[in-house]
């Protein structure tokens, strides 16, 4: 089976019409231009909303001269916010064609086409010379809650490393940096939790903290900061579920009952995994070794 079809087992990635429906419900019609912050309240699939993107801008010191690669860019929310706030250039790479196409049209509506370029493909099987100026051309590689879907993390982080700029031997510039929000194994999972991770979250073989750090070192990274976000994310997903249930009537009025049930199932599964004390959340920053 193809990875692009497989990942559709995850309820969050179904119901692509949700964004259009939500925009219409807010009085924004098909051709209206829209601000990236308005959109990010609708199209966000990561945690902590815009704060997570602002954290990346600060950690990576992004500016108008920065070239950024966003892997698994979804509907393009983070890429657009990076571009709008830091004025950097972003290549937004997404595996799922329907989501990629929706992202491209949303970026046009935000009038950010000059700064954000969309690319459809799988990072593990892609001619990366066609991305930006190719390997060694990016100041930063970023990703929000995507790497958990990719089992072959060695191949993944090797690719990320290859895309980053090398450290300038004259010492004029730092090496490129990685920034990602991801899941990790905090405590061993029960077989029921493993099954929920696999079927509800499309996630297998999560590394522990020690394994994750070792993996990054093996793939050419140094100055690794492993910031445990389990506490705030556990609070975030519980609050998200509570709000979602409280707003059921509005949601079903706009989107109908099946999307509500799909998302309720997914949000509940995530809450159960975090509340179990087995699933951990991490924000990683790391620099390419010379």
Protein backbone atom coordinates (compact mmCIF):
# COMPACT_ATOMS: atom_id res chain seq x y z
CA UNK A 1 0.00 0.00 0.00
CA UNK A 2 1.14 3.49 -0.71
CA UNK A 3 2.12 5.70 2.21
CA UNK A 4 -0.05 8.55 0.94
CA UNK A 5 -3.17 6.33 1.12
CA UNK A 6 -2.15 4.69 4.39
CA UNK A 7 -1.90 7.95 6.31
CA UNK A 8 -5.56 8.67 5.55
CA UNK A 9 -6.40 6.23 8.38
CA UNK A 10 -5.79 9.27 10.57
CA UNK A 11 -9.04 11.17 11.12
CA UNK A 12 -7.34 14.56 11.28
CA UNK A 13 -6.34 14.28 7.62
CA UNK A 14 -9.81 13.47 6.31
CA UNK A 15 -12.61 15.95 5.70
CA UNK A 16 -10.55 18.43 3.73
CA UNK A 17 -13.69 20.51 3.08
CA UNK A 18 -13.60 21.51 6.74
CA UNK A 19 -11.48 24.58 5.98
CA UNK A 20 -13.73 25.85 3.18
CA UNK A 21 -16.83 25.27 5.32
CA UNK A 22 -15.29 27.10 8.27
CA UNK A 23 -14.24 30.09 6.14
CA UNK A 24 -17.75 30.36 4.68
CA UNK A 25 -19.25 30.16 8.19
CA UNK A 26 -17.11 33.16 9.09
CA UNK A 27 -18.38 35.08 6.08
CA UNK A 28 -15.23 34.62 3.98
CA UNK A 29 -16.17 33.47 0.47
CA UNK A 30 -14.14 31.45 -2.03
CA UNK A 31 -12.18 34.24 -3.64
CA UNK A 32 -11.77 36.60 -0.70
CA UNK A 33 -8.25 37.23 0.45
CA UNK A 34 -7.58 36.18 4.02
CA UNK A 35 -4.87 36.86 6.62
CA UNK A 36 -2.53 34.05 7.68
CA UNK A 37 -3.39 34.49 11.37
CA UNK A 38 -7.12 34.13 10.64
CA UNK A 39 -6.38 30.98 8.68
CA UNK A 40 -4.06 29.53 11.30
CA UNK A 41 -6.95 29.41 13.78
CA UNK A 42 -8.71 27.08 11.30
CA UNK A 43 -6.03 25.09 9.49
CA UNK A 44 -3.68 24.33 12.38
CA UNK A 45 -2.86 20.66 12.99
CA UNK A 46 -0.08 21.20 15.55
CA UNK A 47 -0.16 22.17 19.24
CA UNK A 48 0.07 25.55 20.98
CA UNK A 49 -1.18 27.42 17.90
CA UNK A 50 0.82 30.40 16.65
CA UNK A 51 3.09 30.26 19.72
CA UNK A 52 4.78 27.15 18.31
CA UNK A 53 5.64 29.04 15.12
CA UNK A 54 6.86 32.14 16.95
CA UNK A 55 9.08 29.84 19.06
CA UNK A 56 10.71 28.58 15.85
CA UNK A 57 11.30 32.10 14.52
CA UNK A 58 13.10 32.99 17.76
CA UNK A 59 15.05 29.74 18.15
CA UNK A 60 16.25 29.86 14.54
CA UNK A 61 16.70 33.63 14.39
CA UNK A 62 14.79 33.79 11.10
CA UNK A 63 14.81 36.91 8.97
CA UNK A 64 14.18 38.07 5.41
CA UNK A 65 17.43 36.41 4.28
CA UNK A 66 16.51 32.98 5.69
CA UNK A 67 15.65 29.99 3.49
CA UNK A 68 13.41 27.50 5.31
CA UNK A 69 12.20 24.01 4.41
CA UNK A 70 8.97 22.89 6.13
CA UNK A 71 8.55 19.10 5.95
CA UNK A 72 5.02 17.76 6.13
CA UNK A 73 3.64 21.26 5.80
CA UNK A 74 -0.05 20.29 5.86
CA UNK A 75 -2.43 23.07 4.86
CA UNK A 76 0.52 25.48 4.93
CA UNK A 77 -0.42 27.38 8.11
CA UNK A 78 3.02 27.33 9.76
CA UNK A 79 4.82 28.12 6.47
CA UNK A 80 2.57 31.14 5.84
CA UNK A 81 2.99 32.40 9.39
CA UNK A 82 6.79 32.04 9.20
CA UNK A 83 6.77 34.06 5.96
CA UNK A 84 4.32 36.69 7.23
CA UNK A 85 6.10 37.23 10.56
CA UNK A 86 9.80 36.76 9.66
CA UNK A 87 9.60 37.64 5.92
CA UNK A 88 11.67 34.50 5.21
CA UNK A 89 11.37 32.28 2.13
CA UNK A 90 9.74 28.92 2.80
CA UNK A 91 9.45 25.76 0.74
CA UNK A 92 6.43 23.85 2.08
CA UNK A 93 6.63 20.14 1.29
CA UNK A 94 3.54 17.96 1.77
CA UNK A 95 3.01 14.26 1.07
CA UNK A 96 -0.76 14.25 0.55
CA UNK A 97 -1.80 15.71 -2.78
CA UNK A 98 -5.26 16.96 -1.75
CA UNK A 99 -3.83 18.75 1.28
CA UNK A 100 -0.97 20.14 -0.85
CA UNK A 101 -3.45 21.52 -3.41
CA UNK A 102 -5.59 23.09 -0.70
CA UNK A 103 -2.45 24.60 0.87
CA UNK A 104 -1.38 26.12 -2.46
CA UNK A 105 -4.75 27.82 -2.94
CA UNK A 106 -4.81 29.11 0.66
CA UNK A 107 -1.34 30.63 0.21
CA UNK A 108 -2.57 32.45 -2.92
CA UNK A 109 -5.50 33.80 -0.93
CA UNK A 110 -3.08 35.09 1.72
CA UNK A 111 -1.07 36.83 -1.03
CA UNK A 112 2.08 35.05 0.15
CA UNK A 113 2.99 33.29 -3.09
CA UNK A 114 6.20 35.33 -3.37
CA UNK A 115 7.56 33.93 -0.11
CA UNK A 116 5.98 30.47 0.17
CA UNK A 117 6.46 27.82 -2.51
CA UNK A 118 4.56 24.54 -2.24
CA UNK A 119 5.97 21.19 -3.24
CA UNK A 120 4.17 17.83 -3.33
CA UNK A 121 6.23 14.80 -2.38
CA UNK A 122 7.68 12.35 0.12
CA UNK A 123 10.99 13.49 1.59
CA UNK A 124 12.28 9.90 1.71
CA UNK A 125 11.68 9.38 -2.04
CA UNK A 126 12.20 12.69 -3.73
CA UNK A 127 14.75 14.38 -5.94
CA UNK A 128 15.79 16.97 -3.37
CA UNK A 129 17.92 18.83 -5.92
CA UNK A 130 14.61 20.29 -7.16
CA UNK A 131 13.74 21.75 -3.73
CA UNK A 132 14.89 25.36 -3.28
CA UNK A 133 18.51 25.50 -4.44
CA UNK A 134 18.93 21.83 -3.49
CA UNK A 135 20.99 20.16 -0.76
CA UNK A 136 23.04 22.49 1.42
CA UNK A 137 20.87 25.52 0.63
CA UNK A 138 18.58 25.88 3.67
CA UNK A 139 19.21 27.84 6.86
CA UNK A 140 16.55 25.82 8.64
CA UNK A 141 14.46 22.67 8.35
CA UNK A 142 11.26 22.81 10.39
CA UNK A 143 8.42 20.41 11.14
CA UNK A 144 5.45 20.27 13.49
CA UNK A 145 4.08 16.88 14.58
CA UNK A 146 4.99 15.11 11.35
CA UNK A 147 8.13 13.10 12.03
CA UNK A 148 6.13 10.79 14.32
CA UNK A 149 4.51 9.41 11.13
CA UNK A 150 7.88 8.43 9.61
CA UNK A 151 9.35 5.17 10.93
CA UNK A 152 12.70 5.38 9.16
CA UNK A 153 13.99 8.26 11.23
CA UNK A 154 17.63 7.62 10.30
CA UNK A 155 16.86 8.20 6.61
CA UNK A 156 14.65 11.17 7.53
CA UNK A 157 17.19 13.04 9.67
CA UNK A 158 19.99 12.27 7.22
CA UNK A 159 17.89 13.95 4.50
CA UNK A 160 17.15 16.92 6.80
CA UNK A 161 20.86 17.28 7.49
CA UNK A 162 21.77 17.14 3.78
CA UNK A 163 19.37 19.99 3.01
CA UNK A 164 20.94 22.33 5.59
CA UNK A 165 23.76 24.77 4.88
CA UNK A 166 27.18 23.65 6.03
CA UNK A 167 29.00 25.71 8.62
CA UNK A 168 31.19 28.32 6.99
CA UNK A 169 34.78 27.21 7.64
CA UNK A 170 35.82 30.82 7.94
CA UNK A 171 33.50 30.96 10.91
CA UNK A 172 31.35 33.64 9.29
CA UNK A 173 28.12 31.68 9.64
CA UNK A 174 26.66 28.88 11.70
CA UNK A 175 25.54 25.58 10.24
CA UNK A 176 21.88 25.21 9.32
CA UNK A 177 19.46 24.27 12.09
CA UNK A 178 16.68 21.79 12.65
CA UNK A 179 13.53 22.70 14.62
CA UNK A 180 10.78 20.15 15.18
CA UNK A 181 7.89 19.35 17.49
CA UNK A 182 7.49 15.59 17.79
CA UNK A 183 6.38 12.67 19.95
CA UNK A 184 8.70 10.38 21.88
CA UNK A 185 8.40 7.34 24.12
CA UNK A 186 8.25 8.41 27.76
CA UNK A 187 7.27 5.03 29.25
CA UNK A 188 6.56 1.66 27.58
CA UNK A 189 3.20 1.45 25.79
CA UNK A 190 0.60 -1.25 26.42
CA UNK A 191 -0.44 -3.26 23.34
CA UNK A 192 -3.71 -1.29 23.33
CA UNK A 193 -1.80 2.02 23.25
CA UNK A 194 0.48 0.73 20.48
CA UNK A 195 -2.57 -0.20 18.47
CA UNK A 196 -4.13 3.26 19.02
CA UNK A 197 -0.88 4.94 17.99
CA UNK A 198 -0.69 2.83 14.84
CA UNK A 199 -4.34 3.11 13.77
CA UNK A 200 -5.47 6.47 15.15
CA UNK A 201 -2.22 8.42 14.90
CA UNK A 202 -0.37 6.55 12.09
CA UNK A 203 2.67 6.24 14.32
CA UNK A 204 4.98 3.32 15.15
CA UNK A 205 8.46 2.84 16.63
CA UNK A 206 8.72 6.01 18.69
CA UNK A 207 12.23 6.54 20.10
CA UNK A 208 12.96 7.27 23.76
CA UNK A 209 14.70 10.51 24.75
CA UNK A 210 18.13 8.81 24.76
CA UNK A 211 17.49 7.07 21.42
CA UNK A 212 16.29 10.31 19.85
CA UNK A 213 19.38 12.27 20.89
CA UNK A 214 21.68 9.45 19.72
CA UNK A 215 19.85 9.28 16.40
CA UNK A 216 20.34 13.01 15.78
CA UNK A 217 24.04 12.76 16.61
CA UNK A 218 24.40 9.77 14.25
CA UNK A 219 22.73 11.79 11.48
CA UNK A 220 25.17 14.70 11.75
CA UNK A 221 23.68 17.06 14.34
CA UNK A 222 25.20 18.72 17.39
CA UNK A 223 24.13 21.23 20.10
CA UNK A 224 20.92 19.23 20.47
CA UNK A 225 18.30 20.77 22.74
CA UNK A 226 15.64 18.26 23.79
CA UNK A 227 12.90 20.37 25.38
CA UNK A 228 10.26 18.17 27.02
CA UNK A 229 6.82 19.65 26.20
CA UNK A 230 4.77 16.74 27.62
CA UNK A 231 3.19 18.88 30.39
CA UNK A 232 1.96 21.77 28.23
CA UNK A 233 0.87 19.44 25.41
CA UNK A 234 -1.10 17.20 27.78
CA UNK A 235 -2.91 20.31 29.02
CA UNK A 236 -3.38 21.53 25.42
CA UNK A 237 -4.95 18.30 24.07
CA UNK A 238 -7.28 17.98 27.07
CA UNK A 239 -8.47 21.57 26.62
CA UNK A 240 -8.86 21.03 22.85
CA UNK A 241 -11.13 18.02 23.44
CA UNK A 242 -13.18 19.85 26.08
CA UNK A 243 -13.73 22.85 23.77
CA UNK A 244 -14.52 20.61 20.80
CA UNK A 245 -17.26 18.77 22.73
CA UNK A 246 -18.63 22.04 24.14
CA UNK A 247 -18.92 23.46 20.57
CA UNK A 248 -20.47 20.35 19.06
CA UNK A 249 -23.67 22.08 17.97
CA UNK A 250 -21.85 24.83 16.05
CA UNK A 251 -19.41 22.33 14.50
CA UNK A 252 -22.13 19.94 13.30
CA UNK A 253 -24.17 22.88 12.00
CA UNK A 254 -21.28 23.79 9.70
CA UNK A 255 -19.67 20.44 8.91
CA UNK A 256 -22.30 17.77 9.67
CA UNK A 257 -22.15 14.84 12.06
CA UNK A 258 -19.60 12.45 10.44
CA UNK A 259 -16.66 14.93 10.61
CA UNK A 260 -17.56 15.60 14.25
CA UNK A 261 -17.45 11.89 15.07
CA UNK A 262 -14.18 11.42 13.19
CA UNK A 263 -12.44 14.24 15.02
CA UNK A 264 -13.95 13.31 18.39
CA UNK A 265 -12.47 9.82 17.99
CA UNK A 266 -9.05 11.24 17.11
CA UNK A 267 -8.93 13.93 19.79
CA UNK A 268 -10.02 11.40 22.43
CA UNK A 269 -7.33 8.92 21.35
CA UNK A 270 -4.63 11.60 21.68
CA UNK A 271 -5.90 12.65 25.13
CA UNK A 272 -5.83 9.02 26.32
CA UNK A 273 -2.26 8.56 25.06
CA UNK A 274 -0.94 11.71 26.75
CA UNK A 275 -2.90 11.12 29.97
CA UNK A 276 -1.45 7.59 30.22
CA UNK A 277 2.01 8.97 30.99
CA UNK A 278 3.54 6.86 28.20
CA UNK A 279 3.48 9.37 25.33
CA UNK A 280 5.90 12.27 25.50
CA UNK A 281 6.08 15.51 23.52
CA UNK A 282 9.33 17.22 22.58
CA UNK A 283 10.57 20.37 20.87
CA UNK A 284 13.96 19.76 19.32
CA UNK A 285 16.51 22.22 18.04
CA UNK A 286 19.84 21.04 16.67
CA UNK A 287 22.64 22.36 14.48
CA UNK A 288 24.37 20.70 11.55
CA UNK A 289 27.85 19.47 12.48
CA UNK A 290 30.76 20.93 10.49
